[in-house]
Amino acid sequence: MRIRAARTGDLTRLQDIERAAGEPFRAIGMTEIADDEPPSLDLLTEYVEAGRAWVATLAGGGDVPVAYLIADLVDGNLHIEQVSVDPAHARQGIGRRLIEHAADYARDAGMPALTLTTFVDVPWNAPYYRRCGFVDLDGGTLTDGLRAVRDHETAIGLDRWPRVCMRRDLTH
């Protein structure tokens, strides 16, 4: 497996990955999430141009992405906006490798932590991230930026299902 910076030529593939990664939500009754449109090409282009979009490709796979991660800067931390793995390649450690790559990027940039928001009760969401070293943040420990992220998620209806902000401290 290889992790590399995403390129503009990858973007429609990233949208395909996102659609495929949404399908398992249908099986647990979260059809709105399964039906949600992937990030737009314009938005994905912004992540590529900012240098905060990475893809995983497989050896012998023709350099075609099978997973991706995009990240924002929130309150001085690297905030994982999305990490998605094509279900055909799930359970192979690809998502974890992307998260570790993001952690290395953040650490090298002097950032103290990775943050993210996710669904509490979805097995491949909060429980998975806890296994990756993230801890739940309660309302009293949220930064202004994370509160703004959660406010946006509420505005677009994601709070229909329980969500949590999480943080993974990085050592330098």
C-alpha atoms as a PDB file:
ATOM      1  CA  MET A   1       0.000   0.000   0.000  1.00  0.00           C
ATOM      2  CA  ARG A   2       1.133   3.528  -0.739  1.00  0.00           C
ATOM      3  CA  ILE A   3      -0.116   6.809   0.706  1.00  0.00           C
ATOM      4  CA  ARG A   4       0.341   9.870  -1.441  1.00  0.00           C
ATOM      5  CA  ALA A   5      -1.059  13.349  -1.884  1.00  0.00           C
ATOM      6  CA  ALA A   6      -4.350  13.385  -3.729  1.00  0.00           C
ATOM      7  CA  ARG A   7      -4.306  14.882  -7.213  1.00  0.00           C
ATOM      8  CA  THR A   8      -7.072  16.585  -9.139  1.00  0.00           C
ATOM      9  CA  GLY A   9      -7.217  13.562 -11.466  1.00  0.00           C
ATOM     10  CA  ASP A  10      -8.247  11.437  -8.447  1.00  0.00           C
ATOM     11  CA  LEU A  11     -11.288  13.464  -7.463  1.00  0.00           C
ATOM     12  CA  THR A  12     -14.058  11.624  -9.280  1.00  0.00           C
ATOM     13  CA  ARG A  13     -12.632   8.382  -7.874  1.00  0.00           C
ATOM     14  CA  LEU A  14     -12.806   9.894  -4.376  1.00  0.00           C
ATOM     15  CA  GLN A  15     -16.472  10.641  -4.951  1.00  0.00           C
ATOM     16  CA  ASP A  16     -16.998   7.011  -6.023  1.00  0.00           C
ATOM     17  CA  ILE A  17     -15.235   5.812  -2.865  1.00  0.00           C
ATOM     18  CA  GLU A  18     -17.471   8.051  -0.744  1.00  0.00           C
ATOM     19  CA  ARG A  19     -20.638   6.718  -2.359  1.00  0.00           C
ATOM     20  CA  ALA A  20     -19.508   3.116  -1.855  1.00  0.00           C
ATOM     21  CA  ALA A  21     -18.423   3.795   1.742  1.00  0.00           C
ATOM     22  CA  GLY A  22     -21.876   5.215   2.458  1.00  0.00           C
ATOM     23  CA  GLU A  23     -23.710   2.033   1.505  1.00  0.00           C
ATOM     24  CA  PRO A  24     -23.081   0.164   4.812  1.00  0.00           C
ATOM     25  CA  PHE A  25     -25.046   2.913   6.579  1.00  0.00           C
ATOM     26  CA  ARG A  26     -28.148   1.739   4.717  1.00  0.00           C
ATOM     27  CA  ALA A  27     -27.954  -1.645   6.457  1.00  0.00           C
ATOM     28  CA  ILE A  28     -28.129  -0.001   9.896  1.00  0.00           C
ATOM     29  CA  GLY A  29     -31.091   2.238   9.060  1.00  0.00           C
ATOM     30  CA  MET A  30     -29.158   5.400   8.248  1.00  0.00           C
ATOM     31  CA  THR A  31     -30.396   5.707   4.670  1.00  0.00           C
ATOM     32  CA  GLU A  32     -30.009   9.485   4.652  1.00  0.00           C
ATOM     33  CA  ILE A  33     -26.291   9.041   5.231  1.00  0.00           C
ATOM     34  CA  ALA A  34     -26.073   6.335   2.564  1.00  0.00           C
ATOM     35  CA  ASP A  35     -27.860   8.636   0.114  1.00  0.00           C
ATOM     36  CA  ASP A  36     -25.818  11.726   0.972  1.00  0.00           C
ATOM     37  CA  GLU A  37     -23.864  13.161  -1.918  1.00  0.00           C
ATOM     38  CA  PRO A  38     -20.056  13.055  -1.671  1.00  0.00           C
ATOM     39  CA  PRO A  39     -18.041  16.259  -1.377  1.00  0.00           C
ATOM     40  CA  SER A  40     -18.182  18.337  -4.541  1.00  0.00           C
ATOM     41  CA  LEU A  41     -15.294  18.418  -6.982  1.00  0.00           C
ATOM     42  CA  ASP A  42     -14.765  22.084  -6.083  1.00  0.00           C
ATOM     43  CA  LEU A  43     -14.492  21.272  -2.371  1.00  0.00           C
ATOM     44  CA  LEU A  44     -12.183  18.326  -2.974  1.00  0.00           C
ATOM     45  CA  THR A  45     -10.033  20.563  -5.190  1.00  0.00           C
ATOM     46  CA  GLU A  46      -9.682  23.001  -2.276  1.00  0.00           C
ATOM     47  CA  TYR A  47      -8.345  20.188  -0.073  1.00  0.00           C
ATOM     48  CA  VAL A  48      -5.888  19.097  -2.778  1.00  0.00           C
ATOM     49  CA  GLU A  49      -4.664  22.651  -3.295  1.00  0.00           C
ATOM     50  CA  ALA A  50      -4.284  23.145   0.481  1.00  0.00           C
ATOM     51  CA  GLY A  51      -2.170  19.967   0.695  1.00  0.00           C
ATOM     52  CA  ARG A  52      -4.590  18.299   3.111  1.00  0.00           C
ATOM     53  CA  ALA A  53      -5.912  15.442   0.976  1.00  0.00           C
ATOM     54  CA  TRP A  54      -4.292  12.021   0.809  1.00  0.00           C
ATOM     55  CA  VAL A  55      -5.129   8.767  -0.904  1.00  0.00           C
ATOM     56  CA  ALA A  56      -4.167   5.151  -0.390  1.00  0.00           C
ATOM     57  CA  THR A  57      -3.350   3.023  -3.407  1.00  0.00           C
ATOM     58  CA  LEU A  58      -2.521  -0.673  -3.554  1.00  0.00           C
ATOM     59  CA  ALA A  59       0.583  -2.237  -5.022  1.00  0.00           C
ATOM     60  CA  GLY A  60      -0.238  -3.492  -8.474  1.00  0.00           C
ATOM     61  CA  GLY A  61      -3.428  -1.421  -8.502  1.00  0.00           C
ATOM     62  CA  GLY A  62      -2.360   1.051 -11.137  1.00  0.00           C
ATOM     63  CA  ASP A  63      -2.069   3.946  -8.656  1.00  0.00           C
ATOM     64  CA  VAL A  64      -5.868   4.049  -8.346  1.00  0.00           C
ATOM     65  CA  PRO A  65      -7.078   5.277  -4.937  1.00  0.00           C
ATOM     66  CA  VAL A  66      -8.988   2.825  -2.745  1.00  0.00           C
ATOM     67  CA  ALA A  67      -9.331   5.220   0.209  1.00  0.00           C
ATOM     68  CA  TYR A  68      -8.872   8.871   1.049  1.00  0.00           C
ATOM     69  CA  LEU A  69      -8.618  11.335   3.917  1.00  0.00           C
ATOM     70  CA  ILE A  70      -9.269  15.072   3.854  1.00  0.00           C
ATOM     71  CA  ALA A  71      -8.510  17.393   6.753  1.00  0.00           C
ATOM     72  CA  ASP A  72      -9.126  20.931   7.944  1.00  0.00           C
ATOM     73  CA  LEU A  73      -7.280  23.138  10.386  1.00  0.00           C
ATOM     74  CA  VAL A  74      -9.405  23.705  13.495  1.00  0.00           C
ATOM     75  CA  ASP A  75      -8.035  25.620  16.472  1.00  0.00           C
ATOM     76  CA  GLY A  76      -4.435  24.747  15.647  1.00  0.00           C
ATOM     77  CA  ASN A  77      -5.121  21.029  15.241  1.00  0.00           C
ATOM     78  CA  LEU A  78      -5.531  18.859  12.181  1.00  0.00           C
ATOM     79  CA  HIS A  79      -9.223  18.014  11.989  1.00  0.00           C
ATOM     80  CA  ILE A  80     -10.104  14.893  10.006  1.00  0.00           C
ATOM     81  CA  GLU A  81     -13.073  15.970   7.957  1.00  0.00           C
ATOM     82  CA  GLN A  82     -13.508  12.642   6.214  1.00  0.00           C
ATOM     83  CA  VAL A  83     -11.762   9.317   5.927  1.00  0.00           C
ATOM     84  CA  SER A  84     -13.363   6.779   3.631  1.00  0.00           C
ATOM     85  CA  VAL A  85     -12.317   3.362   2.416  1.00  0.00           C
ATOM     86  CA  ASP A  86     -13.866   1.529  -0.500  1.00  0.00           C
ATOM     87  CA  PRO A  87     -15.744  -1.363   1.169  1.00  0.00           C
ATOM     88  CA  ALA A  88     -14.064  -3.780  -1.250  1.00  0.00           C
ATOM     89  CA  HIS A  89     -10.822  -2.962   0.584  1.00  0.00           C
ATOM     90  CA  ALA A  90     -12.150  -2.546   4.127  1.00  0.00           C
ATOM     91  CA  ARG A  91     -10.679  -4.268   7.186  1.00  0.00           C
ATOM     92  CA  GLN A  92      -7.140  -4.196   5.808  1.00  0.00           C
ATOM     93  CA  GLY A  93      -5.790  -1.350   7.945  1.00  0.00           C
ATOM     94  CA  ILE A  94      -6.002   1.192   5.130  1.00  0.00           C
ATOM     95  CA  GLY A  95      -8.030   3.741   7.092  1.00  0.00           C
ATOM     96  CA  ARG A  96      -5.657   3.424  10.037  1.00  0.00           C
ATOM     97  CA  ARG A  97      -2.674   3.987   7.741  1.00  0.00           C
ATOM     98  CA  LEU A  98      -4.276   7.159   6.407  1.00  0.00           C
ATOM     99  CA  ILE A  99      -4.921   8.364   9.958  1.00  0.00           C
ATOM    100  CA  GLU A 100      -1.298   7.664  10.882  1.00  0.00           C
ATOM    101  CA  HIS A 101      -0.170   9.592   7.815  1.00  0.00           C
ATOM    102  CA  ALA A 102      -2.334  12.541   8.898  1.00  0.00           C
ATOM    103  CA  ALA A 103      -0.868  12.269  12.416  1.00  0.00           C
ATOM    104  CA  ASP A 104       2.670  12.404  10.990  1.00  0.00           C
ATOM    105  CA  TYR A 105       1.730  15.444   8.889  1.00  0.00           C
ATOM    106  CA  ALA A 106       0.244  17.216  11.923  1.00  0.00           C
ATOM    107  CA  ARG A 107       3.169  16.292  14.167  1.00  0.00           C
ATOM    108  CA  ASP A 108       5.683  17.538  11.568  1.00  0.00           C
ATOM    109  CA  ALA A 109       3.739  20.811  11.359  1.00  0.00           C
ATOM    110  CA  GLY A 110       3.882  21.222  15.147  1.00  0.00           C
ATOM    111  CA  MET A 111       0.204  20.617  15.717  1.00  0.00           C
ATOM    112  CA  PRO A 112      -0.677  19.164  19.118  1.00  0.00           C
ATOM    113  CA  ALA A 113      -3.563  16.905  18.112  1.00  0.00           C
ATOM    114  CA  LEU A 114      -5.859  15.320  15.586  1.00  0.00           C
ATOM    115  CA  THR A 115      -9.570  15.948  16.040  1.00  0.00           C
ATOM    116  CA  LEU A 116     -12.699  14.653  14.374  1.00  0.00           C
ATOM    117  CA  THR A 117     -16.438  14.321  14.813  1.00  0.00           C
ATOM    118  CA  THR A 118     -18.255  11.067  14.217  1.00  0.00           C
ATOM    119  CA  PHE A 119     -21.292   8.932  14.968  1.00  0.00           C
ATOM    120  CA  VAL A 120     -21.302   7.463  18.475  1.00  0.00           C
ATOM    121  CA  ASP A 121     -23.144   4.214  17.793  1.00  0.00           C
ATOM    122  CA  VAL A 122     -21.799   3.197  14.378  1.00  0.00           C
ATOM    123  CA  PRO A 123     -19.248   0.386  14.896  1.00  0.00           C
ATOM    124  CA  TRP A 124     -16.865   1.663  12.223  1.00  0.00           C
ATOM    125  CA  ASN A 125     -17.063   5.226  13.605  1.00  0.00           C
ATOM    126  CA  ALA A 126     -16.506   6.182  17.282  1.00  0.00           C
ATOM    127  CA  PRO A 127     -15.579   2.658  18.489  1.00  0.00           C
ATOM    128  CA  TYR A 128     -13.052   2.376  15.643  1.00  0.00           C
ATOM    129  CA  TYR A 129     -11.517   5.777  16.355  1.00  0.00           C
ATOM    130  CA  ARG A 130     -11.162   4.896  20.031  1.00  0.00           C
ATOM    131  CA  ARG A 131      -9.092   1.894  18.958  1.00  0.00           C
ATOM    132  CA  CYS A 132      -6.976   4.359  16.941  1.00  0.00           C
ATOM    133  CA  GLY A 133      -6.194   6.358  20.092  1.00  0.00           C
ATOM    134  CA  PHE A 134      -8.897   9.025  20.001  1.00  0.00           C
ATOM    135  CA  VAL A 135     -10.782   9.998  23.157  1.00  0.00           C
ATOM    136  CA  ASP A 136     -14.258  11.483  23.462  1.00  0.00           C
ATOM    137  CA  LEU A 137     -14.508  15.163  24.311  1.00  0.00           C
ATOM    138  CA  ASP A 138     -17.381  16.429  26.399  1.00  0.00           C
ATOM    139  CA  GLY A 139     -19.065  19.779  25.877  1.00  0.00           C
ATOM    140  CA  GLY A 140     -16.858  21.472  28.446  1.00  0.00           C
ATOM    141  CA  THR A 141     -13.652  20.565  26.605  1.00  0.00           C
ATOM    142  CA  LEU A 142     -14.738  21.594  23.116  1.00  0.00           C
ATOM    143  CA  THR A 143     -12.825  24.397  21.477  1.00  0.00           C
ATOM    144  CA  ASP A 144     -14.656  27.204  19.698  1.00  0.00           C
ATOM    145  CA  GLY A 145     -13.758  25.647  16.352  1.00  0.00           C
ATOM    146  CA  LEU A 146     -15.126  22.236  17.297  1.00  0.00           C
ATOM    147  CA  ARG A 147     -18.303  23.893  18.565  1.00  0.00           C
ATOM    148  CA  ALA A 148     -18.624  25.560  15.157  1.00  0.00           C
ATOM    149  CA  VAL A 149     -18.133  22.196  13.425  1.00  0.00           C
ATOM    150  CA  ARG A 150     -20.851  20.647  15.604  1.00  0.00           C
ATOM    151  CA  ASP A 151     -23.178  23.618  14.983  1.00  0.00           C
ATOM    152  CA  HIS A 152     -22.757  23.104  11.242  1.00  0.00           C
ATOM    153  CA  GLU A 153     -23.446  19.368  11.597  1.00  0.00           C
ATOM    154  CA  THR A 154     -26.592  20.157  13.563  1.00  0.00           C
ATOM    155  CA  ALA A 155     -27.704  22.628  10.897  1.00  0.00           C
ATOM    156  CA  ILE A 156     -27.423  19.980   8.176  1.00  0.00           C
ATOM    157  CA  GLY A 157     -29.265  17.343  10.226  1.00  0.00           C
ATOM    158  CA  LEU A 158     -26.452  15.050  11.334  1.00  0.00           C
ATOM    159  CA  ASP A 159     -27.552  15.350  14.957  1.00  0.00           C
ATOM    160  CA  ARG A 160     -30.457  13.042  14.163  1.00  0.00           C
ATOM    161  CA  TRP A 161     -28.023  10.342  15.329  1.00  0.00           C
ATOM    162  CA  PRO A 162     -25.748  10.770  18.373  1.00  0.00           C
ATOM    163  CA  ARG A 163     -22.410  12.369  17.496  1.00  0.00           C
ATOM    164  CA  VAL A 164     -19.208  12.958  19.400  1.00  0.00           C
ATOM    165  CA  CYS A 165     -16.108  15.121  19.052  1.00  0.00           C
ATOM    166  CA  MET A 166     -12.889  13.198  19.538  1.00  0.00           C
ATOM    167  CA  ARG A 167      -9.231  14.107  19.994  1.00  0.00           C
ATOM    168  CA  ARG A 168      -5.943  12.275  19.721  1.00  0.00           C
ATOM    169  CA  ASP A 169      -2.996  14.036  21.294  1.00  0.00           C
ATOM    170  CA  LEU A 170       0.258  13.836  19.372  1.00  0.00           C
ATOM    171  CA  THR A 171       3.699  13.629  20.893  1.00  0.00           C
ATOM    172  CA  HIS A 172       6.449  15.624  19.250  1.00  0.00           C
END
